[in-house]
């Protein structure tokens, strides 16, 4: 959550490589891991300078940027399940004939047509990006919306939250400040999202929590820790093992 803006504000080249360079470190856009500059890192007996080690981290921790992005919710990628599946096969380097045999879709020419449709989608996306950039220069009345967290579920109008709405909600439900306890858990979905976004900041990325540990963090925020835990999972902020023995922030 701490570096959510970094992901959405990154340009295409930065997203392709999966990290950005900041003053004192490299930041992974996929999981917010920081690799400090000026340090030599060792992995499997090999020494790496910081930027190279960030590339190793992405390969080991996420397989690839493509693998990470293709797993995001279809509301974020704009892909149908069918398009998602085809892109995975294309990325694996399979031929149209191989894909046709594996999927049982029409013929090899049918697969080529799907490639054409995806290229059309790419061209449309480029034009849309340009128009939105031009719009930013003219639209003085556009409100500032909160960025979606990358693991968001059920993406719909409930995520239509402005920064002004966020500030009002936080003041209402955290009257002692955002570091203090939660006054009550909201009933409205948009307000729940704002509160959950703030609560999740109290957990450390890349750390596994036991059920006892996560309950202790949540109890300090609100007596009904069970409802907080349930909604953090339901809205895609945290994940857990099926037996409840381990919890972690979803990257």
C-alpha atoms as a PDB file:
ATOM      1  CA  UNK A   1       0.000   0.000   0.000  1.00  0.00           C
ATOM      2  CA  UNK A   2       2.850   2.384   0.809  1.00  0.00           C
ATOM      3  CA  UNK A   3       4.000   2.493  -2.803  1.00  0.00           C
ATOM      4  CA  UNK A   4       0.679   2.041  -4.587  1.00  0.00           C
ATOM      5  CA  UNK A   5       0.978   5.418  -6.331  1.00  0.00           C
ATOM      6  CA  UNK A   6       4.386   4.378  -7.670  1.00  0.00           C
ATOM      7  CA  UNK A   7       2.830   1.469  -9.568  1.00  0.00           C
ATOM      8  CA  UNK A   8       0.059   3.498 -11.196  1.00  0.00           C
ATOM      9  CA  UNK A   9       2.285   6.517 -11.894  1.00  0.00           C
ATOM     10  CA  UNK A  10       5.070   4.481 -13.503  1.00  0.00           C
ATOM     11  CA  UNK A  11       5.503   4.852 -17.246  1.00  0.00           C
ATOM     12  CA  UNK A  12       5.368   1.920 -19.645  1.00  0.00           C
ATOM     13  CA  UNK A  13       9.125   1.300 -19.648  1.00  0.00           C
ATOM     14  CA  UNK A  14       9.236   1.307 -15.843  1.00  0.00           C
ATOM     15  CA  UNK A  15       6.322  -1.104 -15.658  1.00  0.00           C
ATOM     16  CA  UNK A  16       7.986  -3.376 -18.207  1.00  0.00           C
ATOM     17  CA  UNK A  17      11.113  -3.671 -16.081  1.00  0.00           C
ATOM     18  CA  UNK A  18       9.066  -3.921 -12.886  1.00  0.00           C
ATOM     19  CA  UNK A  19      10.991  -1.428 -10.778  1.00  0.00           C
ATOM     20  CA  UNK A  20      11.917   2.224 -10.520  1.00  0.00           C
ATOM     21  CA  UNK A  21      15.038   3.997  -9.370  1.00  0.00           C
ATOM     22  CA  UNK A  22      14.749   6.358  -6.418  1.00  0.00           C
ATOM     23  CA  UNK A  23      17.400   8.415  -4.662  1.00  0.00           C
ATOM     24  CA  UNK A  24      18.758   5.776  -2.297  1.00  0.00           C
ATOM     25  CA  UNK A  25      17.240   2.538  -3.552  1.00  0.00           C
ATOM     26  CA  UNK A  26      15.455   0.626  -6.275  1.00  0.00           C
ATOM     27  CA  UNK A  27      11.762  -0.037  -5.643  1.00  0.00           C
ATOM     28  CA  UNK A  28       9.958  -3.127  -6.913  1.00  0.00           C
ATOM     29  CA  UNK A  29       6.648  -1.988  -8.384  1.00  0.00           C
ATOM     30  CA  UNK A  30       5.163  -5.441  -7.913  1.00  0.00           C
ATOM     31  CA  UNK A  31       5.680  -5.961  -4.180  1.00  0.00           C
ATOM     32  CA  UNK A  32       7.255  -2.713  -2.891  1.00  0.00           C
ATOM     33  CA  UNK A  33      10.532  -4.397  -1.938  1.00  0.00           C
ATOM     34  CA  UNK A  34      13.410  -1.912  -1.704  1.00  0.00           C
ATOM     35  CA  UNK A  35      16.980  -2.705  -2.709  1.00  0.00           C
ATOM     36  CA  UNK A  36      19.397  -0.183  -1.219  1.00  0.00           C
ATOM     37  CA  UNK A  37      22.028   1.326  -3.466  1.00  0.00           C
ATOM     38  CA  UNK A  38      25.710   1.049  -2.623  1.00  0.00           C
ATOM     39  CA  UNK A  39      25.439  -2.464  -1.196  1.00  0.00           C
ATOM     40  CA  UNK A  40      26.673  -5.716  -2.742  1.00  0.00           C
ATOM     41  CA  UNK A  41      24.130  -8.518  -2.445  1.00  0.00           C
ATOM     42  CA  UNK A  42      24.841 -12.233  -2.503  1.00  0.00           C
ATOM     43  CA  UNK A  43      22.558 -14.925  -3.863  1.00  0.00           C
ATOM     44  CA  UNK A  44      23.528 -18.560  -4.426  1.00  0.00           C
ATOM     45  CA  UNK A  45      27.181 -17.634  -4.148  1.00  0.00           C
ATOM     46  CA  UNK A  46      26.962 -14.869  -6.752  1.00  0.00           C
ATOM     47  CA  UNK A  47      27.523 -11.193  -5.929  1.00  0.00           C
ATOM     48  CA  UNK A  48      25.241  -8.525  -7.394  1.00  0.00           C
ATOM     49  CA  UNK A  49      25.147  -4.741  -7.354  1.00  0.00           C
ATOM     50  CA  UNK A  50      21.806  -3.248  -6.358  1.00  0.00           C
ATOM     51  CA  UNK A  51      20.060  -2.862  -9.726  1.00  0.00           C
ATOM     52  CA  UNK A  52      21.076  -6.308 -10.949  1.00  0.00           C
ATOM     53  CA  UNK A  53      19.904  -7.789  -7.655  1.00  0.00           C
ATOM     54  CA  UNK A  54      16.509  -6.133  -8.149  1.00  0.00           C
ATOM     55  CA  UNK A  55      16.244  -7.970 -11.477  1.00  0.00           C
ATOM     56  CA  UNK A  56      17.125 -11.215  -9.693  1.00  0.00           C
ATOM     57  CA  UNK A  57      14.430 -10.483  -7.109  1.00  0.00           C
ATOM     58  CA  UNK A  58      11.775  -9.984  -9.799  1.00  0.00           C
ATOM     59  CA  UNK A  59      12.753 -13.218 -11.534  1.00  0.00           C
ATOM     60  CA  UNK A  60      12.822 -15.238  -8.328  1.00  0.00           C
ATOM     61  CA  UNK A  61       9.905 -13.588  -6.559  1.00  0.00           C
ATOM     62  CA  UNK A  62       7.530 -12.955  -9.456  1.00  0.00           C
ATOM     63  CA  UNK A  63       8.828 -15.177 -12.317  1.00  0.00           C
ATOM     64  CA  UNK A  64       8.484 -12.155 -14.634  1.00  0.00           C
ATOM     65  CA  UNK A  65       6.621  -8.862 -14.877  1.00  0.00           C
ATOM     66  CA  UNK A  66       4.341 -10.464 -17.460  1.00  0.00           C
ATOM     67  CA  UNK A  67       3.491 -13.343 -15.126  1.00  0.00           C
ATOM     68  CA  UNK A  68       2.630 -10.884 -12.381  1.00  0.00           C
ATOM     69  CA  UNK A  69       0.488  -8.586 -14.522  1.00  0.00           C
ATOM     70  CA  UNK A  70      -1.414 -11.357 -16.298  1.00  0.00           C
ATOM     71  CA  UNK A  71      -2.648 -12.609 -12.913  1.00  0.00           C
ATOM     72  CA  UNK A  72      -4.246  -9.286 -11.985  1.00  0.00           C
ATOM     73  CA  UNK A  73      -8.027  -9.023 -11.905  1.00  0.00           C
ATOM     74  CA  UNK A  74      -9.663  -8.693 -15.330  1.00  0.00           C
ATOM     75  CA  UNK A  75     -11.192  -5.383 -14.225  1.00  0.00           C
ATOM     76  CA  UNK A  76      -7.643  -4.027 -14.032  1.00  0.00           C
ATOM     77  CA  UNK A  77      -6.248  -5.581 -17.214  1.00  0.00           C
ATOM     78  CA  UNK A  78      -9.393  -5.248 -19.337  1.00  0.00           C
ATOM     79  CA  UNK A  79      -8.844  -8.782 -20.659  1.00  0.00           C
ATOM     80  CA  UNK A  80     -11.468 -11.468 -20.998  1.00  0.00           C
ATOM     81  CA  UNK A  81     -10.570 -14.891 -19.605  1.00  0.00           C
ATOM     82  CA  UNK A  82     -10.153 -16.130 -23.182  1.00  0.00           C
ATOM     83  CA  UNK A  83      -7.782 -13.286 -24.101  1.00  0.00           C
ATOM     84  CA  UNK A  84      -5.859 -13.817 -20.872  1.00  0.00           C
ATOM     85  CA  UNK A  85      -5.369 -17.502 -21.695  1.00  0.00           C
ATOM     86  CA  UNK A  86      -4.219 -16.757 -25.232  1.00  0.00           C
ATOM     87  CA  UNK A  87      -1.732 -14.130 -24.077  1.00  0.00           C
ATOM     88  CA  UNK A  88      -0.214 -16.644 -21.664  1.00  0.00           C
ATOM     89  CA  UNK A  89       0.240 -19.121 -24.530  1.00  0.00           C
ATOM     90  CA  UNK A  90       1.685 -16.450 -26.833  1.00  0.00           C
ATOM     91  CA  UNK A  91       4.140 -15.437 -24.101  1.00  0.00           C
ATOM     92  CA  UNK A  92       5.251 -19.050 -23.780  1.00  0.00           C
ATOM     93  CA  UNK A  93       6.353 -18.852 -27.407  1.00  0.00           C
ATOM     94  CA  UNK A  94       3.895 -21.400 -28.748  1.00  0.00           C
ATOM     95  CA  UNK A  95       2.998 -21.382 -32.441  1.00  0.00           C
ATOM     96  CA  UNK A  96      -0.512 -20.780 -33.734  1.00  0.00           C
ATOM     97  CA  UNK A  97      -0.751 -24.448 -34.700  1.00  0.00           C
ATOM     98  CA  UNK A  98       0.315 -25.616 -31.234  1.00  0.00           C
ATOM     99  CA  UNK A  99      -2.163 -23.252 -29.590  1.00  0.00           C
ATOM    100  CA  UNK A 100      -4.962 -24.443 -31.845  1.00  0.00           C
ATOM    101  CA  UNK A 101      -4.252 -28.050 -30.906  1.00  0.00           C
ATOM    102  CA  UNK A 102      -4.033 -27.247 -27.202  1.00  0.00           C
ATOM    103  CA  UNK A 103      -7.190 -25.126 -27.045  1.00  0.00           C
ATOM    104  CA  UNK A 104      -9.250 -26.835 -29.719  1.00  0.00           C
ATOM    105  CA  UNK A 105     -10.191 -23.438 -31.159  1.00  0.00           C
ATOM    106  CA  UNK A 106     -11.037 -23.474 -34.873  1.00  0.00           C
ATOM    107  CA  UNK A 107      -7.849 -23.551 -36.908  1.00  0.00           C
ATOM    108  CA  UNK A 108      -4.434 -21.878 -36.941  1.00  0.00           C
ATOM    109  CA  UNK A 109      -5.984 -19.022 -38.918  1.00  0.00           C
ATOM    110  CA  UNK A 110      -8.487 -18.548 -36.086  1.00  0.00           C
ATOM    111  CA  UNK A 111      -5.589 -18.050 -33.695  1.00  0.00           C
ATOM    112  CA  UNK A 112      -4.044 -15.521 -36.085  1.00  0.00           C
ATOM    113  CA  UNK A 113      -7.323 -13.625 -36.049  1.00  0.00           C
ATOM    114  CA  UNK A 114      -7.182 -13.512 -32.254  1.00  0.00           C
ATOM    115  CA  UNK A 115      -3.678 -12.052 -32.552  1.00  0.00           C
ATOM    116  CA  UNK A 116      -5.077  -9.370 -34.868  1.00  0.00           C
ATOM    117  CA  UNK A 117      -7.824  -8.508 -32.370  1.00  0.00           C
ATOM    118  CA  UNK A 118      -5.240  -8.125 -29.612  1.00  0.00           C
ATOM    119  CA  UNK A 119      -3.158  -5.823 -31.832  1.00  0.00           C
ATOM    120  CA  UNK A 120      -6.298  -3.740 -32.385  1.00  0.00           C
ATOM    121  CA  UNK A 121      -6.714  -3.538 -28.627  1.00  0.00           C
ATOM    122  CA  UNK A 122      -3.104  -2.378 -28.326  1.00  0.00           C
ATOM    123  CA  UNK A 123      -3.622   0.392 -30.894  1.00  0.00           C
ATOM    124  CA  UNK A 124      -6.812   1.518 -29.169  1.00  0.00           C
ATOM    125  CA  UNK A 125      -4.999   1.583 -25.827  1.00  0.00           C
ATOM    126  CA  UNK A 126      -2.235   3.794 -27.221  1.00  0.00           C
ATOM    127  CA  UNK A 127      -4.720   6.316 -28.599  1.00  0.00           C
ATOM    128  CA  UNK A 128      -6.698   6.296 -25.359  1.00  0.00           C
ATOM    129  CA  UNK A 129      -3.550   6.961 -23.325  1.00  0.00           C
ATOM    130  CA  UNK A 130      -2.670   9.928 -25.535  1.00  0.00           C
ATOM    131  CA  UNK A 131      -6.192  11.370 -25.251  1.00  0.00           C
ATOM    132  CA  UNK A 132      -6.153  11.000 -21.453  1.00  0.00           C
ATOM    133  CA  UNK A 133      -2.777  12.730 -21.252  1.00  0.00           C
ATOM    134  CA  UNK A 134      -4.105  15.614 -23.372  1.00  0.00           C
ATOM    135  CA  UNK A 135      -7.245  15.733 -21.238  1.00  0.00           C
ATOM    136  CA  UNK A 136      -5.167  16.186 -18.076  1.00  0.00           C
ATOM    137  CA  UNK A 137      -3.808  19.411 -19.543  1.00  0.00           C
ATOM    138  CA  UNK A 138      -7.313  20.852 -20.038  1.00  0.00           C
ATOM    139  CA  UNK A 139      -9.617  19.334 -17.417  1.00  0.00           C
ATOM    140  CA  UNK A 140      -9.318  21.632 -14.406  1.00  0.00           C
ATOM    141  CA  UNK A 141     -12.330  20.120 -12.645  1.00  0.00           C
ATOM    142  CA  UNK A 142     -11.278  16.472 -12.536  1.00  0.00           C
ATOM    143  CA  UNK A 143     -11.250  15.205  -8.928  1.00  0.00           C
ATOM    144  CA  UNK A 144      -8.295  13.233  -7.584  1.00  0.00           C
ATOM    145  CA  UNK A 145      -9.320   9.593  -7.251  1.00  0.00           C
ATOM    146  CA  UNK A 146      -7.624   7.090  -5.001  1.00  0.00           C
ATOM    147  CA  UNK A 147      -5.593   4.517  -6.948  1.00  0.00           C
ATOM    148  CA  UNK A 148      -6.843   0.931  -6.950  1.00  0.00           C
ATOM    149  CA  UNK A 149      -4.801  -1.563  -4.989  1.00  0.00           C
ATOM    150  CA  UNK A 150      -3.428  -4.091  -7.459  1.00  0.00           C
ATOM    151  CA  UNK A 151      -5.052  -7.071  -5.751  1.00  0.00           C
ATOM    152  CA  UNK A 152      -8.499  -5.449  -5.663  1.00  0.00           C
ATOM    153  CA  UNK A 153     -11.511  -7.722  -5.975  1.00  0.00           C
ATOM    154  CA  UNK A 154     -15.043  -6.932  -7.148  1.00  0.00           C
ATOM    155  CA  UNK A 155     -13.888  -3.717  -8.833  1.00  0.00           C
ATOM    156  CA  UNK A 156     -16.973  -1.554  -9.356  1.00  0.00           C
ATOM    157  CA  UNK A 157     -18.426   1.831  -8.362  1.00  0.00           C
ATOM    158  CA  UNK A 158     -17.475   1.292  -4.727  1.00  0.00           C
ATOM    159  CA  UNK A 159     -13.889   2.109  -5.763  1.00  0.00           C
ATOM    160  CA  UNK A 160     -14.995   5.518  -7.021  1.00  0.00           C
ATOM    161  CA  UNK A 161     -13.414   7.354  -4.087  1.00  0.00           C
ATOM    162  CA  UNK A 162     -11.925  10.844  -4.201  1.00  0.00           C
ATOM    163  CA  UNK A 163      -9.155  12.080  -1.937  1.00  0.00           C
ATOM    164  CA  UNK A 164     -11.634  14.475  -0.315  1.00  0.00           C
ATOM    165  CA  UNK A 165     -13.988  11.595   0.502  1.00  0.00           C
ATOM    166  CA  UNK A 166     -11.075   9.645   1.942  1.00  0.00           C
ATOM    167  CA  UNK A 167     -10.034  12.476   4.264  1.00  0.00           C
ATOM    168  CA  UNK A 168     -13.589  12.971   5.557  1.00  0.00           C
ATOM    169  CA  UNK A 169     -14.040   9.248   6.144  1.00  0.00           C
ATOM    170  CA  UNK A 170     -10.766   8.886   8.020  1.00  0.00           C
ATOM    171  CA  UNK A 171     -11.601  11.829  10.289  1.00  0.00           C
ATOM    172  CA  UNK A 172     -15.007  10.319  11.016  1.00  0.00           C
ATOM    173  CA  UNK A 173     -13.858   6.787  11.812  1.00  0.00           C
ATOM    174  CA  UNK A 174     -10.423   7.564  13.283  1.00  0.00           C
ATOM    175  CA  UNK A 175     -11.285  10.580  15.476  1.00  0.00           C
ATOM    176  CA  UNK A 176      -8.009  10.211  17.407  1.00  0.00           C
ATOM    177  CA  UNK A 177      -5.961  10.184  14.203  1.00  0.00           C
ATOM    178  CA  UNK A 178      -5.019   7.423  11.773  1.00  0.00           C
ATOM    179  CA  UNK A 179      -2.574   5.941  14.273  1.00  0.00           C
ATOM    180  CA  UNK A 180      -5.373   5.575  16.825  1.00  0.00           C
ATOM    181  CA  UNK A 181      -8.246   3.116  17.229  1.00  0.00           C
ATOM    182  CA  UNK A 182     -11.213   2.726  14.900  1.00  0.00           C
ATOM    183  CA  UNK A 183     -14.395   4.284  16.327  1.00  0.00           C
ATOM    184  CA  UNK A 184     -16.655   1.804  14.526  1.00  0.00           C
ATOM    185  CA  UNK A 185     -16.601  -0.249  11.351  1.00  0.00           C
ATOM    186  CA  UNK A 186     -18.561   1.469   8.557  1.00  0.00           C
ATOM    187  CA  UNK A 187     -21.584  -0.037   6.847  1.00  0.00           C
ATOM    188  CA  UNK A 188     -21.126   1.680   3.474  1.00  0.00           C
ATOM    189  CA  UNK A 189     -18.819  -0.176   1.101  1.00  0.00           C
ATOM    190  CA  UNK A 190     -16.857   2.896  -0.036  1.00  0.00           C
ATOM    191  CA  UNK A 191     -16.167   3.854   3.562  1.00  0.00           C
ATOM    192  CA  UNK A 192     -15.141   0.280   4.355  1.00  0.00           C
ATOM    193  CA  UNK A 193     -12.566   0.461   1.576  1.00  0.00           C
ATOM    194  CA  UNK A 194     -11.120   3.714   2.902  1.00  0.00           C
ATOM    195  CA  UNK A 195     -10.842   2.280   6.417  1.00  0.00           C
ATOM    196  CA  UNK A 196      -9.328  -1.004   5.220  1.00  0.00           C
ATOM    197  CA  UNK A 197      -6.778   0.865   3.085  1.00  0.00           C
ATOM    198  CA  UNK A 198      -5.625   2.648   6.209  1.00  0.00           C
ATOM    199  CA  UNK A 199      -5.636  -0.417   8.442  1.00  0.00           C
ATOM    200  CA  UNK A 200      -3.493  -2.451   6.061  1.00  0.00           C
ATOM    201  CA  UNK A 201      -0.698   0.121   6.392  1.00  0.00           C
ATOM    202  CA  UNK A 202      -0.051  -1.240   9.883  1.00  0.00           C
ATOM    203  CA  UNK A 203       1.270  -4.488   8.454  1.00  0.00           C
ATOM    204  CA  UNK A 204       4.743  -4.991   7.038  1.00  0.00           C
ATOM    205  CA  UNK A 205       5.198  -6.159   3.440  1.00  0.00           C
ATOM    206  CA  UNK A 206       7.118  -9.371   2.786  1.00  0.00           C
ATOM    207  CA  UNK A 207       6.352 -10.642   6.301  1.00  0.00           C
ATOM    208  CA  UNK A 208       4.352 -13.707   7.281  1.00  0.00           C
ATOM    209  CA  UNK A 209       2.048 -13.324  10.310  1.00  0.00           C
ATOM    210  CA  UNK A 210       0.643 -16.061  12.507  1.00  0.00           C
ATOM    211  CA  UNK A 211      -3.075 -15.870  13.251  1.00  0.00           C
ATOM    212  CA  UNK A 212      -2.232 -14.723  16.783  1.00  0.00           C
ATOM    213  CA  UNK A 213       0.023 -11.943  15.485  1.00  0.00           C
ATOM    214  CA  UNK A 214      -2.501 -10.639  12.970  1.00  0.00           C
ATOM    215  CA  UNK A 215      -5.254 -10.723  15.597  1.00  0.00           C
ATOM    216  CA  UNK A 216      -3.080  -8.709  17.995  1.00  0.00           C
ATOM    217  CA  UNK A 217      -2.511  -5.990  15.382  1.00  0.00           C
ATOM    218  CA  UNK A 218      -6.223  -5.803  14.558  1.00  0.00           C
ATOM    219  CA  UNK A 219      -7.409  -5.903  18.184  1.00  0.00           C
ATOM    220  CA  UNK A 220      -5.359  -2.777  18.877  1.00  0.00           C
ATOM    221  CA  UNK A 221      -7.391  -1.080  16.147  1.00  0.00           C
ATOM    222  CA  UNK A 222     -10.890  -2.425  16.854  1.00  0.00           C
ATOM    223  CA  UNK A 223     -12.311  -4.979  19.336  1.00  0.00           C
ATOM    224  CA  UNK A 224     -14.037  -7.031  16.627  1.00  0.00           C
ATOM    225  CA  UNK A 225     -10.809  -8.148  14.958  1.00  0.00           C
ATOM    226  CA  UNK A 226     -12.613 -10.998  13.202  1.00  0.00           C
ATOM    227  CA  UNK A 227     -14.698  -8.660  11.039  1.00  0.00           C
ATOM    228  CA  UNK A 228     -11.605  -6.617  10.126  1.00  0.00           C
ATOM    229  CA  UNK A 229      -9.687  -9.743   9.201  1.00  0.00           C
ATOM    230  CA  UNK A 230     -12.571 -11.068   7.107  1.00  0.00           C
ATOM    231  CA  UNK A 231     -12.952  -7.882   5.086  1.00  0.00           C
ATOM    232  CA  UNK A 232      -9.200  -7.468   4.591  1.00  0.00           C
ATOM    233  CA  UNK A 233      -9.238 -10.895   2.954  1.00  0.00           C
ATOM    234  CA  UNK A 234     -12.500 -10.319   1.085  1.00  0.00           C
ATOM    235  CA  UNK A 235     -11.261  -7.096  -0.491  1.00  0.00           C
ATOM    236  CA  UNK A 236      -7.912  -8.593  -1.474  1.00  0.00           C
ATOM    237  CA  UNK A 237      -5.643  -6.737   0.937  1.00  0.00           C
ATOM    238  CA  UNK A 238      -4.288  -9.808   2.702  1.00  0.00           C
ATOM    239  CA  UNK A 239      -4.122 -13.513   1.975  1.00  0.00           C
ATOM    240  CA  UNK A 240      -3.731 -16.589   4.138  1.00  0.00           C
ATOM    241  CA  UNK A 241      -3.105 -20.303   4.107  1.00  0.00           C
ATOM    242  CA  UNK A 242      -6.246 -22.426   4.026  1.00  0.00           C
ATOM    243  CA  UNK A 243      -5.645 -23.612   7.602  1.00  0.00           C
ATOM    244  CA  UNK A 244      -5.263 -20.030   8.868  1.00  0.00           C
ATOM    245  CA  UNK A 245      -1.717 -20.651  10.095  1.00  0.00           C
ATOM    246  CA  UNK A 246      -0.150 -17.845   8.097  1.00  0.00           C
ATOM    247  CA  UNK A 247      -1.221 -14.421   6.823  1.00  0.00           C
ATOM    248  CA  UNK A 248       0.514 -11.868   4.588  1.00  0.00           C
ATOM    249  CA  UNK A 249      -0.067  -8.702   2.591  1.00  0.00           C
ATOM    250  CA  UNK A 250      -0.951  -9.403  -1.015  1.00  0.00           C
ATOM    251  CA  UNK A 251       1.470  -7.717  -3.392  1.00  0.00           C
END
